[in-house]
Amino acid sequence: MDVEALKLGFQVLQFLITGGIGFYVYMTNKNKVTNDRIGQLESEIDKKIDSHSERLARVEALTEKAPTHEDLAKVYDKVNQVSACVNRLEGEFAGVSRVVNLIHETLMEERRK
């Protein structure tokens, strides 16, 4: 073999090795950047989850103090009682109104005579 051919072969081999090292460094840096971005996203999500868990704890504390179905049933019964009383009073006042009108008519007739 010729020395020039050996030199050329060595240069081609050196070029390929340098290209391979360059490709390896590129991929390593690319993975590092990707891993850094994923790490940042994880930390941001952790912060958001922490704030959500605090908010959920506050909501759960408030719902413990909220009225239950039993409480609302008691209120419903009281409203029904008030409604019945109002209906009774409405009927009584209708009767009173009729009596007052009859008295008024009677007085007006007596006055005319």
Protein backbone atom coordinates (compact mmCIF):
# COMPACT_ATOMS: atom_id res chain seq x y z
CA MET A 1 0.00 0.00 0.00
CA ASP A 2 0.97 3.45 -0.75
CA VAL A 3 1.74 5.97 2.04
CA GLU A 4 -0.63 8.47 0.46
CA ALA A 5 -3.45 5.94 0.57
CA LEU A 6 -2.70 5.24 4.23
CA LYS A 7 -2.74 8.98 4.95
CA LEU A 8 -6.05 9.34 3.16
CA GLY A 9 -7.52 6.35 5.02
CA PHE A 10 -6.28 7.75 8.34
CA GLN A 11 -7.78 11.20 7.57
CA VAL A 12 -11.12 9.65 6.59
CA LEU A 13 -11.08 7.57 9.79
CA GLN A 14 -10.18 10.68 11.84
CA PHE A 15 -12.98 12.64 10.13
CA LEU A 16 -15.51 9.90 10.89
CA ILE A 17 -14.41 9.64 14.53
CA THR A 18 -14.55 13.44 14.94
CA GLY A 19 -18.01 13.48 13.33
CA GLY A 20 -19.13 10.67 15.65
CA ILE A 21 -17.84 12.53 18.70
CA GLY A 22 -19.57 15.70 17.49
CA PHE A 23 -22.84 13.81 17.01
CA TYR A 24 -22.49 12.27 20.49
CA VAL A 25 -21.88 15.70 22.07
CA TYR A 26 -24.87 17.16 20.18
CA MET A 27 -27.20 14.38 21.37
CA THR A 28 -25.88 14.61 24.94
CA ASN A 29 -26.49 18.37 25.04
CA LYS A 30 -29.90 17.94 23.47
CA ASN A 31 -30.86 15.37 26.12
CA LYS A 32 -29.49 17.64 28.87
CA VAL A 33 -31.63 20.57 27.68
CA THR A 34 -34.67 18.32 27.39
CA ASN A 35 -34.10 16.93 30.89
CA ASP A 36 -33.67 20.46 32.28
CA ARG A 37 -36.95 21.56 30.70
CA ILE A 38 -38.74 18.50 32.05
CA GLY A 39 -37.29 19.24 35.50
CA GLN A 40 -38.61 22.82 35.32
CA LEU A 41 -42.04 21.57 34.28
CA GLU A 42 -42.08 19.10 37.16
CA SER A 43 -41.25 21.82 39.68
CA GLU A 44 -43.97 24.11 38.25
CA ILE A 45 -46.52 21.31 38.36
CA ASP A 46 -45.53 20.52 41.95
CA LYS A 47 -46.14 24.16 42.92
CA LYS A 48 -49.54 24.12 41.21
CA ILE A 49 -50.50 20.85 42.86
CA ASP A 50 -49.50 22.25 46.24
CA SER A 51 -51.70 25.30 45.70
CA HIS A 52 -54.57 23.07 44.55
CA SER A 53 -54.24 20.85 47.59
CA GLU A 54 -54.43 23.92 49.85
CA ARG A 55 -57.52 25.13 47.99
CA LEU A 56 -59.12 21.69 48.24
CA ALA A 57 -58.44 21.61 51.98
CA ARG A 58 -60.19 24.98 52.38
CA VAL A 59 -63.15 23.81 50.30
CA GLU A 60 -63.44 20.60 52.33
CA ALA A 61 -63.37 22.61 55.56
CA LEU A 62 -66.16 24.83 54.25
CA THR A 63 -68.27 21.90 53.08
CA GLU A 64 -68.11 20.36 56.55
CA LYS A 65 -69.91 23.45 57.85
CA ALA A 66 -72.47 23.49 55.02
CA PRO A 67 -76.08 22.57 55.79
CA THR A 68 -76.99 18.92 55.37
CA HIS A 69 -80.13 17.40 53.88
CA GLU A 70 -81.54 17.06 57.39
CA ASP A 71 -80.99 20.77 58.05
CA LEU A 72 -82.68 21.67 54.79
CA ALA A 73 -85.57 19.32 55.60
CA LYS A 74 -86.10 21.18 58.89
CA VAL A 75 -86.09 24.51 57.06
CA TYR A 76 -88.54 23.11 54.51
CA ASP A 77 -90.89 22.00 57.32
CA LYS A 78 -90.73 25.46 58.91
CA VAL A 79 -91.47 27.12 55.57
CA ASN A 80 -94.45 24.80 55.13
CA GLN A 81 -95.73 25.75 58.60
CA VAL A 82 -95.39 29.46 57.82
CA SER A 83 -97.15 28.91 54.49
CA ALA A 84 -100.04 27.17 56.23
CA CYS A 85 -100.34 30.05 58.74
CA VAL A 86 -100.29 32.63 55.96
CA ASN A 87 -103.00 30.71 54.06
CA ARG A 88 -105.13 30.57 57.22
CA LEU A 89 -104.66 34.31 57.83
CA GLU A 90 -105.49 35.04 54.21
CA GLY A 91 -108.75 33.17 54.59
CA GLU A 92 -109.58 34.96 57.83
CA PHE A 93 -108.84 38.37 56.33
CA ALA A 94 -111.03 37.54 53.34
CA GLY A 95 -113.86 36.84 55.80
CA VAL A 96 -113.13 40.03 57.76
CA SER A 97 -113.07 42.01 54.53
CA ARG A 98 -116.47 40.60 53.57
CA VAL A 99 -117.91 41.48 56.99
CA VAL A 100 -116.49 45.01 56.84
CA ASN A 101 -118.00 45.48 53.38
CA LEU A 102 -121.39 44.26 54.65
CA ILE A 103 -121.21 46.66 57.61
CA HIS A 104 -120.24 49.48 55.28
CA GLU A 105 -123.13 48.71 52.94
CA THR A 106 -125.56 48.54 55.87
CA LEU A 107 -124.38 51.88 57.24
CA MET A 108 -124.58 53.46 53.82
CA GLU A 109 -128.16 52.18 53.36
CA GLU A 110 -129.20 53.49 56.79
CA ARG A 111 -127.70 56.86 55.98
CA ARG A 112 -129.65 57.06 52.74
CA LYS A 113 -132.93 56.48 54.54
